[in-house]
Amino acid sequence: QVQLVESGGGSVQAGGSLRLSCTASRLIGRRYCMSWFRQAPGKGREGVAAIRLDEDDSTSYIDSVQGRFHISQDNAKNTLYLQMNSLKPEDSAIYYCAADSDLSFPCNVLVTSEGRYKYWGQGTQVTVSS
């Protein structure tokens, strides 16, 4: 059983930065699709960024965070990161990391939904004040 634990959330003012971390236990092999999702109060969970961990390590982002957020992974530490810059109040949400070892499905936040992922973390709160 893979366990994902997020950290790094907090409260910042608009324009500030945060780096979220997601540490994974018992990942077998390196080929995974890993993503960050978020859920604001009263809204559904939406994918924010994804990284396909294979020969290319290709990434994808939703339009609203493109150029401000950066997803990366440190294989030696089994840790997924989300660097968030120029934060806006509308970025406030609970952020979750997700993972799945099945790469036969697309690993692209623009075309896949939360049902694509088998493993989830418990979430970390991000609050951006204006």
Protein backbone atom coordinates (compact mmCIF):
# COMPACT_ATOMS: atom_id res chain seq x y z
CA GLN A 1 0.00 0.00 0.00
CA VAL A 2 1.41 3.38 -1.04
CA GLN A 3 1.02 6.19 1.47
CA LEU A 4 1.25 9.84 0.50
CA VAL A 5 1.78 12.58 3.08
CA GLU A 6 1.53 16.25 2.10
CA SER A 7 3.14 19.15 3.95
CA GLY A 8 4.06 22.77 3.37
CA GLY A 9 0.64 24.40 3.36
CA GLY A 10 -0.05 27.58 5.27
CA SER A 11 -1.29 31.13 5.08
CA VAL A 12 0.32 33.75 2.87
CA GLN A 13 -0.57 37.11 1.40
CA ALA A 14 -1.35 37.53 -2.27
CA GLY A 15 1.83 37.57 -4.32
CA GLY A 16 3.64 35.27 -1.92
CA SER A 17 5.02 31.77 -2.44
CA LEU A 18 4.70 28.35 -0.90
CA ARG A 19 6.24 24.98 -1.67
CA LEU A 20 4.16 21.92 -1.05
CA SER A 21 5.75 18.52 -0.53
CA CYS A 22 4.31 15.04 -0.87
CA THR A 23 6.38 12.21 0.50
CA ALA A 24 5.55 8.75 -0.77
CA SER A 25 6.20 5.51 1.01
CA ARG A 26 6.59 2.12 -0.62
CA LEU A 27 6.75 3.31 -4.18
CA ILE A 28 7.96 0.36 -6.24
CA GLY A 29 9.88 1.44 -9.29
CA ARG A 30 9.92 4.94 -10.74
CA ARG A 31 7.21 4.84 -13.36
CA TYR A 32 4.26 6.74 -11.93
CA CYS A 33 1.79 9.42 -12.81
CA MET A 34 1.75 11.92 -9.95
CA SER A 35 -0.43 14.99 -9.64
CA TRP A 36 -1.57 17.80 -7.42
CA PHE A 37 -5.28 18.45 -7.00
CA ARG A 38 -7.07 21.12 -5.01
CA GLN A 39 -10.51 21.60 -3.57
CA ALA A 40 -11.93 24.94 -2.49
CA PRO A 41 -14.97 25.17 -0.16
CA GLY A 42 -18.16 24.34 -2.02
CA LYS A 43 -16.33 23.27 -5.16
CA GLY A 44 -15.25 20.01 -6.72
CA ARG A 45 -11.72 18.71 -6.73
CA GLU A 46 -9.71 19.95 -9.70
CA GLY A 47 -6.39 18.86 -11.06
CA VAL A 48 -3.71 21.52 -10.92
CA ALA A 49 -0.50 19.93 -12.21
CA ALA A 50 0.73 16.49 -13.21
CA ILE A 51 4.05 14.85 -13.94
CA ARG A 52 4.53 11.63 -15.84
CA LEU A 53 7.53 9.92 -14.28
CA ASP A 54 9.23 7.99 -17.05
CA GLU A 55 11.90 8.73 -19.63
CA ASP A 56 10.47 12.18 -20.38
CA ASP A 57 9.10 13.43 -17.04
CA SER A 58 6.54 15.46 -18.98
CA THR A 59 4.43 17.95 -17.04
CA SER A 60 1.06 19.61 -17.49
CA TYR A 61 -0.76 22.47 -15.76
CA ILE A 62 -4.18 24.01 -15.82
CA ASP A 63 -4.29 27.44 -17.44
CA SER A 64 -4.92 29.35 -14.21
CA VAL A 65 -1.58 28.26 -12.69
CA GLN A 66 0.55 28.03 -15.83
CA GLY A 67 3.72 30.08 -15.34
CA ARG A 68 3.16 30.45 -11.58
CA PHE A 69 3.28 26.84 -10.34
CA HIS A 70 5.99 24.26 -10.96
CA ILE A 71 5.70 20.52 -10.29
CA SER A 72 8.82 18.45 -9.73
CA GLN A 73 9.95 15.23 -8.10
CA ASP A 74 13.03 14.13 -6.22
CA ASN A 75 13.37 10.43 -6.83
CA ALA A 76 16.02 9.93 -4.15
CA LYS A 77 13.66 11.37 -1.54
CA ASN A 78 10.47 9.84 -2.97
CA THR A 79 9.03 13.33 -2.76
CA LEU A 80 6.78 15.30 -5.11
CA TYR A 81 6.84 19.09 -4.94
CA LEU A 82 4.60 21.92 -6.03
CA GLN A 83 6.30 25.31 -6.05
CA MET A 84 3.61 27.97 -6.02
CA ASN A 85 4.56 31.57 -6.81
CA SER A 86 2.54 34.76 -7.26
CA LEU A 87 -0.26 33.25 -5.23
CA LYS A 88 -3.77 34.64 -5.57
CA PRO A 89 -6.74 34.44 -3.20
CA GLU A 90 -8.44 32.09 -5.68
CA ASP A 91 -5.62 29.60 -5.13
CA SER A 92 -6.91 29.04 -1.59
CA ALA A 93 -7.92 25.39 -1.19
CA ILE A 94 -6.96 22.08 0.29
CA TYR A 95 -4.22 20.65 -1.88
CA TYR A 96 -3.89 16.90 -2.38
CA CYS A 97 -1.26 14.80 -4.07
CA ALA A 98 -2.22 11.72 -6.02
CA ALA A 99 -0.32 8.87 -7.64
CA ASP A 100 -0.91 5.88 -9.86
CA SER A 101 1.51 3.40 -11.40
CA ASP A 102 -0.63 2.70 -14.47
CA LEU A 103 0.86 4.69 -17.34
CA SER A 104 -1.41 3.15 -19.95
CA PHE A 105 -3.82 6.03 -19.24
CA PRO A 106 -2.95 9.65 -20.00
CA CYS A 107 -1.01 11.50 -17.32
CA ASN A 108 -2.16 15.01 -18.13
CA VAL A 109 -4.08 17.24 -15.77
CA LEU A 110 -6.02 18.73 -18.68
CA VAL A 111 -7.61 15.44 -19.73
CA THR A 112 -7.74 13.26 -16.61
CA SER A 113 -9.87 13.43 -13.49
CA GLU A 114 -9.43 12.28 -9.90
CA GLY A 115 -10.80 8.85 -10.77
CA ARG A 116 -7.58 8.11 -12.63
CA TYR A 117 -5.57 7.91 -9.41
CA LYS A 118 -5.34 5.04 -6.96
CA TYR A 119 -3.37 6.67 -4.14
CA TRP A 120 -4.18 9.93 -2.34
CA GLY A 121 -2.76 11.99 0.48
CA GLN A 122 -4.78 13.56 3.25
CA GLY A 123 -4.39 17.13 1.99
CA THR A 124 -2.76 20.34 3.17
CA GLN A 125 -4.51 23.69 3.52
CA VAL A 126 -3.37 26.71 1.53
CA THR A 127 -4.89 30.09 2.35
CA VAL A 128 -4.05 33.22 0.37
CA SER A 129 -5.26 36.54 1.73
CA SER A 130 -5.70 39.69 -0.33
